[in-house]
Amino acid sequence: MDRLKGKVALISGGARGQGAAEARLFVGEGARVVVGDVLDNQAGALADEINKKANARVIQAVHLDVARAADWRAAVETCEREFGGLDILVNNAGIARTGGVHDTTEEGWDEVINVNQKGVWLGMKASVPAMRRRGGGSIINISSIYGLIGSPDMAAYHGSKGAVRLLTKSAAAQYAQEKIRVNSIHPGVILTPMSQSGPEGNLQPVIDRTPMKRAAQPEEVGWAVLFLASDEASFITGAEIPVDGGYTAV
């Protein structure tokens, strides 16, 4: 119950799905958490629920548009002002759009890149100074199986998630001697509001190609994120960890 005792975490896209699951797991392991999202009402409701269950103020919601540097600065300031610092960043926010290279509009490309790629960069840029003040930290960037392999109809998504994979390795090399670890998680089919928002049945072909023949619950990604956030992963940086039921193994 104390794997993150004394640590403070910032989770983007924390209002629902994987981010909300991570917030619950982190609080359950002793962390204080700030969840950032553009879904203000859902993020606030999550914080109220967790604080009520804990009978203490262990989590706070903030408005966070990950493509805006000012929002990131405000979120990090909240971590330091309300909970005393920042030890863990989970760059969880993301969006997905279909469309191949010729089908994707410039506006559609920019929308995906701004959230999935620029948002990760801005999150690390804002968080590293606060982690330095704590003597180190752990950054977990949520990429995707589609940051490791290709498919025909998600050009912007692949471009953004592949960039997250290598941006993670670059940051890991840069900050290793400052005791700031940076790793990426690559989920497969996870049953979240985002993955289930497309046309009915669109997940099934990917599930059929997954060796474990099922999708995962958000908590199954959350456990991997929790491990990387904890001191148990103290010698792991620059790693890419698929949580995909074996999808990228075949």
C-alpha atoms as a PDB file:
ATOM      1  CA  MET A   1       0.000   0.000   0.000  1.00  0.00           C
ATOM      2  CA  ASP A   2       3.005   2.356   0.213  1.00  0.00           C
ATOM      3  CA  ARG A   3       4.825   1.895  -3.107  1.00  0.00           C
ATOM      4  CA  LEU A   4       4.484   5.647  -3.824  1.00  0.00           C
ATOM      5  CA  LYS A   5       4.407   6.932  -0.254  1.00  0.00           C
ATOM      6  CA  GLY A   6       5.552  10.548  -0.037  1.00  0.00           C
ATOM      7  CA  LYS A   7       5.506  11.077  -3.813  1.00  0.00           C
ATOM      8  CA  VAL A   8       3.501  13.616  -5.820  1.00  0.00           C
ATOM      9  CA  ALA A   9       2.238  12.765  -9.303  1.00  0.00           C
ATOM     10  CA  LEU A  10       0.812  14.779 -12.187  1.00  0.00           C
ATOM     11  CA  ILE A  11      -1.355  12.856 -14.652  1.00  0.00           C
ATOM     12  CA  SER A  12      -2.547  14.442 -17.897  1.00  0.00           C
ATOM     13  CA  GLY A  13      -5.773  13.217 -19.420  1.00  0.00           C
ATOM     14  CA  GLY A  14      -6.654  12.095 -15.919  1.00  0.00           C
ATOM     15  CA  ALA A  15     -10.426  12.595 -15.939  1.00  0.00           C
ATOM     16  CA  ARG A  16     -11.369   9.156 -17.261  1.00  0.00           C
ATOM     17  CA  GLY A  17     -10.072   5.918 -18.758  1.00  0.00           C
ATOM     18  CA  GLN A  18      -6.421   5.059 -18.175  1.00  0.00           C
ATOM     19  CA  GLY A  19      -5.658   8.355 -16.463  1.00  0.00           C
ATOM     20  CA  ALA A  20      -8.419   7.904 -13.890  1.00  0.00           C
ATOM     21  CA  ALA A  21      -7.344   4.312 -13.254  1.00  0.00           C
ATOM     22  CA  GLU A  22      -3.775   5.485 -12.691  1.00  0.00           C
ATOM     23  CA  ALA A  23      -4.936   8.193 -10.291  1.00  0.00           C
ATOM     24  CA  ARG A  24      -6.834   5.662  -8.180  1.00  0.00           C
ATOM     25  CA  LEU A  25      -3.903   3.251  -8.124  1.00  0.00           C
ATOM     26  CA  PHE A  26      -1.421   5.989  -7.226  1.00  0.00           C
ATOM     27  CA  VAL A  27      -3.516   7.299  -4.337  1.00  0.00           C
ATOM     28  CA  GLY A  28      -3.991   3.731  -3.142  1.00  0.00           C
ATOM     29  CA  GLU A  29      -0.198   3.391  -2.980  1.00  0.00           C
ATOM     30  CA  GLY A  30       0.302   6.546  -0.933  1.00  0.00           C
ATOM     31  CA  ALA A  31       0.842   9.260  -3.563  1.00  0.00           C
ATOM     32  CA  ARG A  32      -0.722  12.692  -3.766  1.00  0.00           C
ATOM     33  CA  VAL A  33      -2.033  13.352  -7.253  1.00  0.00           C
ATOM     34  CA  VAL A  34      -2.938  16.255  -9.503  1.00  0.00           C
ATOM     35  CA  VAL A  35      -5.100  15.234 -12.463  1.00  0.00           C
ATOM     36  CA  GLY A  36      -5.167  17.563 -15.437  1.00  0.00           C
ATOM     37  CA  ASP A  37      -7.721  17.465 -18.226  1.00  0.00           C
ATOM     38  CA  VAL A  38      -9.871  19.635 -20.484  1.00  0.00           C
ATOM     39  CA  LEU A  39     -12.874  17.665 -19.150  1.00  0.00           C
ATOM     40  CA  ASP A  40     -13.178  19.845 -16.068  1.00  0.00           C
ATOM     41  CA  ASN A  41     -16.419  18.415 -14.690  1.00  0.00           C
ATOM     42  CA  GLN A  42     -15.276  14.801 -14.991  1.00  0.00           C
ATOM     43  CA  ALA A  43     -11.867  15.560 -13.492  1.00  0.00           C
ATOM     44  CA  GLY A  44     -13.496  17.400 -10.588  1.00  0.00           C
ATOM     45  CA  ALA A  45     -15.931  14.559  -9.978  1.00  0.00           C
ATOM     46  CA  LEU A  46     -13.069  12.049  -9.916  1.00  0.00           C
ATOM     47  CA  ALA A  47     -11.152  14.151  -7.393  1.00  0.00           C
ATOM     48  CA  ASP A  48     -14.234  14.513  -5.201  1.00  0.00           C
ATOM     49  CA  GLU A  49     -14.845  10.762  -5.307  1.00  0.00           C
ATOM     50  CA  ILE A  50     -11.264   9.842  -4.367  1.00  0.00           C
ATOM     51  CA  ASN A  51     -10.951  12.500  -1.658  1.00  0.00           C
ATOM     52  CA  LYS A  52     -14.244  11.400  -0.107  1.00  0.00           C
ATOM     53  CA  LYS A  53     -13.135   7.776  -0.075  1.00  0.00           C
ATOM     54  CA  ALA A  54      -9.777   8.710   1.468  1.00  0.00           C
ATOM     55  CA  ASN A  55     -11.393  11.112   3.941  1.00  0.00           C
ATOM     56  CA  ALA A  56      -8.551  13.499   3.113  1.00  0.00           C
ATOM     57  CA  ARG A  57      -7.405  15.824   0.324  1.00  0.00           C
ATOM     58  CA  VAL A  58      -5.141  13.509  -1.635  1.00  0.00           C
ATOM     59  CA  ILE A  59      -5.992  14.577  -5.178  1.00  0.00           C
ATOM     60  CA  GLN A  60      -6.761  17.820  -6.970  1.00  0.00           C
ATOM     61  CA  ALA A  61      -8.106  18.470 -10.450  1.00  0.00           C
ATOM     62  CA  VAL A  62      -6.822  21.271 -12.696  1.00  0.00           C
ATOM     63  CA  HIS A  63      -7.692  22.429 -16.188  1.00  0.00           C
ATOM     64  CA  LEU A  64      -4.961  21.236 -18.534  1.00  0.00           C
ATOM     65  CA  ASP A  65      -4.875  21.656 -22.289  1.00  0.00           C
ATOM     66  CA  VAL A  66      -1.652  19.778 -22.962  1.00  0.00           C
ATOM     67  CA  ALA A  67      -0.915  21.836 -26.087  1.00  0.00           C
ATOM     68  CA  ARG A  68      -0.662  25.019 -23.971  1.00  0.00           C
ATOM     69  CA  ALA A  69       2.590  25.702 -22.119  1.00  0.00           C
ATOM     70  CA  ALA A  70       0.832  28.059 -19.684  1.00  0.00           C
ATOM     71  CA  ASP A  71      -1.541  25.269 -18.602  1.00  0.00           C
ATOM     72  CA  TRP A  72       1.401  22.970 -17.931  1.00  0.00           C
ATOM     73  CA  ARG A  73       3.178  25.608 -15.863  1.00  0.00           C
ATOM     74  CA  ALA A  74       0.033  26.143 -13.799  1.00  0.00           C
ATOM     75  CA  ALA A  75      -0.402  22.391 -13.243  1.00  0.00           C
ATOM     76  CA  VAL A  76       3.182  21.981 -12.015  1.00  0.00           C
ATOM     77  CA  GLU A  77       2.773  25.012  -9.770  1.00  0.00           C
ATOM     78  CA  THR A  78      -0.326  23.368  -8.288  1.00  0.00           C
ATOM     79  CA  CYS A  79       1.669  20.235  -7.485  1.00  0.00           C
ATOM     80  CA  GLU A  80       4.307  22.248  -5.670  1.00  0.00           C
ATOM     81  CA  ARG A  81       1.934  24.637  -3.913  1.00  0.00           C
ATOM     82  CA  GLU A  82      -0.664  22.093  -2.783  1.00  0.00           C
ATOM     83  CA  PHE A  83       1.429  18.968  -2.200  1.00  0.00           C
ATOM     84  CA  GLY A  84       5.006  20.205  -1.861  1.00  0.00           C
ATOM     85  CA  GLY A  85       6.665  19.101  -5.100  1.00  0.00           C
ATOM     86  CA  LEU A  86       6.538  16.850  -8.144  1.00  0.00           C
ATOM     87  CA  ASP A  87       8.083  13.381  -8.412  1.00  0.00           C
ATOM     88  CA  ILE A  88       6.080  11.627 -11.143  1.00  0.00           C
ATOM     89  CA  LEU A  89       4.700  12.773 -14.492  1.00  0.00           C
ATOM     90  CA  VAL A  90       2.378  10.578 -16.537  1.00  0.00           C
ATOM     91  CA  ASN A  91       1.900  11.985 -20.030  1.00  0.00           C
ATOM     92  CA  ASN A  92      -1.357  10.137 -20.566  1.00  0.00           C
ATOM     93  CA  ALA A  93      -3.490  12.569 -22.603  1.00  0.00           C
ATOM     94  CA  GLY A  94      -4.015  11.597 -26.214  1.00  0.00           C
ATOM     95  CA  ILE A  95      -6.417  11.613 -29.137  1.00  0.00           C
ATOM     96  CA  ALA A  96      -6.821   9.310 -32.128  1.00  0.00           C
ATOM     97  CA  ARG A  97      -8.003  10.134 -35.638  1.00  0.00           C
ATOM     98  CA  THR A  98      -8.289   7.831 -38.638  1.00  0.00           C
ATOM     99  CA  GLY A  99      -6.935   8.690 -42.052  1.00  0.00           C
ATOM    100  CA  GLY A 100      -3.949   7.728 -44.152  1.00  0.00           C
ATOM    101  CA  VAL A 101      -1.291  10.060 -45.540  1.00  0.00           C
ATOM    102  CA  HIS A 102      -3.465  11.342 -48.414  1.00  0.00           C
ATOM    103  CA  ASP A 103      -6.689  11.379 -46.383  1.00  0.00           C
ATOM    104  CA  THR A 104      -5.430  13.430 -43.462  1.00  0.00           C
ATOM    105  CA  THR A 105      -5.985  17.171 -43.596  1.00  0.00           C
ATOM    106  CA  GLU A 106      -3.398  19.646 -42.365  1.00  0.00           C
ATOM    107  CA  GLU A 107      -5.799  20.676 -39.617  1.00  0.00           C
ATOM    108  CA  GLY A 108      -6.339  17.060 -38.597  1.00  0.00           C
ATOM    109  CA  TRP A 109      -2.597  16.394 -38.572  1.00  0.00           C
ATOM    110  CA  ASP A 110      -1.910  19.440 -36.403  1.00  0.00           C
ATOM    111  CA  GLU A 111      -4.666  18.499 -33.957  1.00  0.00           C
ATOM    112  CA  VAL A 112      -3.196  15.050 -33.298  1.00  0.00           C
ATOM    113  CA  ILE A 113       0.428  16.200 -33.207  1.00  0.00           C
ATOM    114  CA  ASN A 114      -0.363  19.074 -30.845  1.00  0.00           C
ATOM    115  CA  VAL A 115      -1.935  16.781 -28.254  1.00  0.00           C
ATOM    116  CA  ASN A 116       0.014  13.543 -28.626  1.00  0.00           C
ATOM    117  CA  GLN A 117       3.497  14.831 -29.442  1.00  0.00           C
ATOM    118  CA  LYS A 118       3.775  18.496 -28.499  1.00  0.00           C
ATOM    119  CA  GLY A 119       1.824  17.811 -25.310  1.00  0.00           C
ATOM    120  CA  VAL A 120       4.357  15.208 -24.170  1.00  0.00           C
ATOM    121  CA  TRP A 121       7.266  17.550 -24.888  1.00  0.00           C
ATOM    122  CA  LEU A 122       5.625  20.445 -23.048  1.00  0.00           C
ATOM    123  CA  GLY A 123       4.804  18.202 -20.090  1.00  0.00           C
ATOM    124  CA  MET A 124       8.396  17.106 -19.691  1.00  0.00           C
ATOM    125  CA  LYS A 125       9.701  20.640 -20.238  1.00  0.00           C
ATOM    126  CA  ALA A 126       7.466  21.985 -17.464  1.00  0.00           C
ATOM    127  CA  SER A 127       8.036  19.109 -15.037  1.00  0.00           C
ATOM    128  CA  VAL A 128      11.807  18.576 -15.133  1.00  0.00           C
ATOM    129  CA  PRO A 129      12.703  21.739 -13.180  1.00  0.00           C
ATOM    130  CA  ALA A 130      10.325  20.708 -10.373  1.00  0.00           C
ATOM    131  CA  MET A 131      11.808  17.189 -10.349  1.00  0.00           C
ATOM    132  CA  ARG A 132      15.294  18.658 -10.121  1.00  0.00           C
ATOM    133  CA  ARG A 133      14.176  20.482  -6.986  1.00  0.00           C
ATOM    134  CA  ARG A 134      13.151  17.093  -5.539  1.00  0.00           C
ATOM    135  CA  GLY A 135      16.419  15.416  -6.501  1.00  0.00           C
ATOM    136  CA  GLY A 136      14.963  13.214  -9.234  1.00  0.00           C
ATOM    137  CA  GLY A 137      11.761  11.759 -10.585  1.00  0.00           C
ATOM    138  CA  SER A 138      10.024   9.412 -12.994  1.00  0.00           C
ATOM    139  CA  ILE A 139       8.342  10.331 -16.281  1.00  0.00           C
ATOM    140  CA  ILE A 140       6.071   7.827 -18.002  1.00  0.00           C
ATOM    141  CA  ASN A 141       4.980   8.680 -21.538  1.00  0.00           C
ATOM    142  CA  ILE A 142       2.002   6.798 -22.914  1.00  0.00           C
ATOM    143  CA  SER A 143       2.675   5.863 -26.532  1.00  0.00           C
ATOM    144  CA  SER A 144       0.879   2.967 -28.257  1.00  0.00           C
ATOM    145  CA  ILE A 145       1.441  -0.268 -30.115  1.00  0.00           C
ATOM    146  CA  TYR A 146       1.096   2.087 -33.075  1.00  0.00           C
ATOM    147  CA  GLY A 147       4.257   3.806 -31.945  1.00  0.00           C
ATOM    148  CA  LEU A 148       6.032   0.491 -32.599  1.00  0.00           C
ATOM    149  CA  ILE A 149       4.305  -0.892 -35.695  1.00  0.00           C
ATOM    150  CA  GLY A 150       2.341   0.458 -38.643  1.00  0.00           C
ATOM    151  CA  SER A 151      -1.183   0.250 -40.048  1.00  0.00           C
ATOM    152  CA  PRO A 152      -2.695   1.741 -43.205  1.00  0.00           C
ATOM    153  CA  ASP A 153      -5.128   4.353 -41.926  1.00  0.00           C
ATOM    154  CA  MET A 154      -3.851   6.328 -38.911  1.00  0.00           C
ATOM    155  CA  ALA A 155      -0.948   8.359 -40.290  1.00  0.00           C
ATOM    156  CA  ALA A 156      -1.058  11.244 -37.806  1.00  0.00           C
ATOM    157  CA  TYR A 157      -1.542   8.915 -34.839  1.00  0.00           C
ATOM    158  CA  HIS A 158       1.408   6.741 -35.894  1.00  0.00           C
ATOM    159  CA  GLY A 159       3.534   9.820 -36.490  1.00  0.00           C
ATOM    160  CA  SER A 160       2.755  11.201 -33.042  1.00  0.00           C
ATOM    161  CA  LYS A 161       3.116   7.981 -31.083  1.00  0.00           C
ATOM    162  CA  GLY A 162       6.332   6.969 -32.855  1.00  0.00           C
ATOM    163  CA  ALA A 163       7.707  10.391 -31.962  1.00  0.00           C
ATOM    164  CA  VAL A 164       6.787   9.832 -28.301  1.00  0.00           C
ATOM    165  CA  ARG A 165       8.804   6.606 -28.325  1.00  0.00           C
ATOM    166  CA  LEU A 166      12.031   8.275 -29.463  1.00  0.00           C
ATOM    167  CA  LEU A 167      11.451  11.521 -27.585  1.00  0.00           C
ATOM    168  CA  THR A 168      11.296   9.321 -24.478  1.00  0.00           C
ATOM    169  CA  LYS A 169      14.679   7.765 -25.245  1.00  0.00           C
ATOM    170  CA  SER A 170      16.230  11.162 -25.941  1.00  0.00           C
ATOM    171  CA  ALA A 171      14.988  12.543 -22.617  1.00  0.00           C
ATOM    172  CA  ALA A 172      16.088   9.389 -20.784  1.00  0.00           C
ATOM    173  CA  ALA A 173      19.634   9.877 -22.033  1.00  0.00           C
ATOM    174  CA  GLN A 174      19.586  13.586 -21.241  1.00  0.00           C
ATOM    175  CA  TYR A 175      18.336  13.338 -17.651  1.00  0.00           C
ATOM    176  CA  ALA A 176      19.760  10.011 -16.455  1.00  0.00           C
ATOM    177  CA  GLN A 177      22.532  11.572 -14.382  1.00  0.00           C
ATOM    178  CA  GLU A 178      19.992  13.832 -12.677  1.00  0.00           C
ATOM    179  CA  LYS A 179      18.106  10.771 -11.404  1.00  0.00           C
ATOM    180  CA  ILE A 180      15.133  11.506 -13.642  1.00  0.00           C
ATOM    181  CA  ARG A 181      13.989   8.326 -15.369  1.00  0.00           C
ATOM    182  CA  VAL A 182      11.937   8.462 -18.589  1.00  0.00           C
ATOM    183  CA  ASN A 183      10.127   5.435 -20.039  1.00  0.00           C
ATOM    184  CA  SER A 184       7.304   4.743 -22.471  1.00  0.00           C
ATOM    185  CA  ILE A 185       4.296   2.428 -22.253  1.00  0.00           C
ATOM    186  CA  HIS A 186       2.755   1.039 -25.447  1.00  0.00           C
ATOM    187  CA  PRO A 187      -0.851  -0.095 -24.843  1.00  0.00           C
ATOM    188  CA  GLY A 188      -2.749  -2.327 -27.199  1.00  0.00           C
ATOM    189  CA  VAL A 189      -6.547  -2.495 -27.145  1.00  0.00           C
ATOM    190  CA  ILE A 190      -7.660  -1.005 -23.832  1.00  0.00           C
ATOM    191  CA  LEU A 191     -11.343  -0.613 -22.981  1.00  0.00           C
ATOM    192  CA  THR A 192     -11.511   3.147 -22.455  1.00  0.00           C
ATOM    193  CA  PRO A 193     -14.027   5.794 -23.590  1.00  0.00           C
ATOM    194  CA  MET A 194     -11.606   6.894 -26.333  1.00  0.00           C
ATOM    195  CA  SER A 195     -11.029   3.421 -27.779  1.00  0.00           C
ATOM    196  CA  GLN A 196     -14.743   2.615 -27.679  1.00  0.00           C
ATOM    197  CA  SER A 197     -15.898   5.864 -29.270  1.00  0.00           C
ATOM    198  CA  GLY A 198     -15.421   4.708 -32.880  1.00  0.00           C
ATOM    199  CA  PRO A 199     -17.749   2.690 -35.112  1.00  0.00           C
ATOM    200  CA  GLU A 200     -19.254  -0.360 -33.439  1.00  0.00           C
ATOM    201  CA  GLY A 201     -16.983  -3.379 -33.716  1.00  0.00           C
ATOM    202  CA  ASN A 202     -13.870  -1.462 -34.787  1.00  0.00           C
ATOM    203  CA  LEU A 203     -11.834  -3.006 -31.948  1.00  0.00           C
ATOM    204  CA  GLN A 204     -12.608  -6.596 -32.843  1.00  0.00           C
ATOM    205  CA  PRO A 205     -10.121  -7.053 -35.714  1.00  0.00           C
ATOM    206  CA  VAL A 206      -7.275  -5.919 -33.447  1.00  0.00           C
ATOM    207  CA  ILE A 207      -8.516  -8.152 -30.621  1.00  0.00           C
ATOM    208  CA  ASP A 208      -8.652 -11.086 -33.056  1.00  0.00           C
ATOM    209  CA  ARG A 209      -4.976 -10.531 -33.937  1.00  0.00           C
ATOM    210  CA  THR A 210      -3.957 -10.294 -30.267  1.00  0.00           C
ATOM    211  CA  PRO A 211      -2.490 -13.583 -28.986  1.00  0.00           C
ATOM    212  CA  MET A 212      -4.390 -13.282 -25.692  1.00  0.00           C
ATOM    213  CA  LYS A 213      -7.644 -12.784 -27.680  1.00  0.00           C
ATOM    214  CA  ARG A 214      -9.020 -10.052 -25.460  1.00  0.00           C
ATOM    215  CA  ALA A 215      -8.836  -6.362 -24.711  1.00  0.00           C
ATOM    216  CA  ALA A 216      -7.464  -5.034 -21.421  1.00  0.00           C
ATOM    217  CA  GLN A 217      -8.986  -2.989 -18.643  1.00  0.00           C
ATOM    218  CA  PRO A 218      -7.415   0.431 -17.926  1.00  0.00           C
ATOM    219  CA  GLU A 219      -6.014  -0.860 -14.637  1.00  0.00           C
ATOM    220  CA  GLU A 220      -3.857  -3.348 -16.525  1.00  0.00           C
ATOM    221  CA  VAL A 221      -1.984  -0.420 -18.058  1.00  0.00           C
ATOM    222  CA  GLY A 222      -2.078   1.359 -14.713  1.00  0.00           C
ATOM    223  CA  TRP A 223      -0.141  -1.409 -12.960  1.00  0.00           C
ATOM    224  CA  ALA A 224       2.702  -1.047 -15.473  1.00  0.00           C
ATOM    225  CA  VAL A 225       2.690   2.724 -15.034  1.00  0.00           C
ATOM    226  CA  LEU A 226       2.703   2.284 -11.258  1.00  0.00           C
ATOM    227  CA  PHE A 227       5.766   0.037 -11.458  1.00  0.00           C
ATOM    228  CA  LEU A 228       7.705   2.547 -13.565  1.00  0.00           C
ATOM    229  CA  ALA A 229       6.671   5.363 -11.229  1.00  0.00           C
ATOM    230  CA  SER A 230       7.909   3.496  -8.163  1.00  0.00           C
ATOM    231  CA  ASP A 231      11.436   3.041  -6.842  1.00  0.00           C
ATOM    232  CA  GLU A 232      11.159  -0.622  -7.872  1.00  0.00           C
ATOM    233  CA  ALA A 233      12.067   0.568 -11.374  1.00  0.00           C
ATOM    234  CA  SER A 234      15.111   2.519 -10.167  1.00  0.00           C
ATOM    235  CA  PHE A 235      17.457   1.107 -12.861  1.00  0.00           C
ATOM    236  CA  ILE A 236      14.988   1.345 -15.752  1.00  0.00           C
ATOM    237  CA  THR A 237      15.134   4.317 -18.091  1.00  0.00           C
ATOM    238  CA  GLY A 238      14.721   4.679 -21.842  1.00  0.00           C
ATOM    239  CA  ALA A 239      12.660   1.474 -21.939  1.00  0.00           C
ATOM    240  CA  GLU A 240       9.584   0.806 -24.057  1.00  0.00           C
ATOM    241  CA  ILE A 241       7.075  -1.559 -22.481  1.00  0.00           C
ATOM    242  CA  PRO A 242       4.219  -2.970 -24.586  1.00  0.00           C
ATOM    243  CA  VAL A 243       1.066  -3.730 -22.616  1.00  0.00           C
ATOM    244  CA  ASP A 244      -0.712  -5.358 -25.511  1.00  0.00           C
ATOM    245  CA  GLY A 245      -1.541  -9.011 -24.858  1.00  0.00           C
ATOM    246  CA  GLY A 246       1.296 -10.028 -27.156  1.00  0.00           C
ATOM    247  CA  TYR A 247       0.136  -8.025 -30.191  1.00  0.00           C
ATOM    248  CA  THR A 248       3.579  -6.708 -31.122  1.00  0.00           C
ATOM    249  CA  ALA A 249       5.279 -10.056 -30.396  1.00  0.00           C
ATOM    250  CA  VAL A 250       3.921 -11.763 -33.519  1.00  0.00           C
END
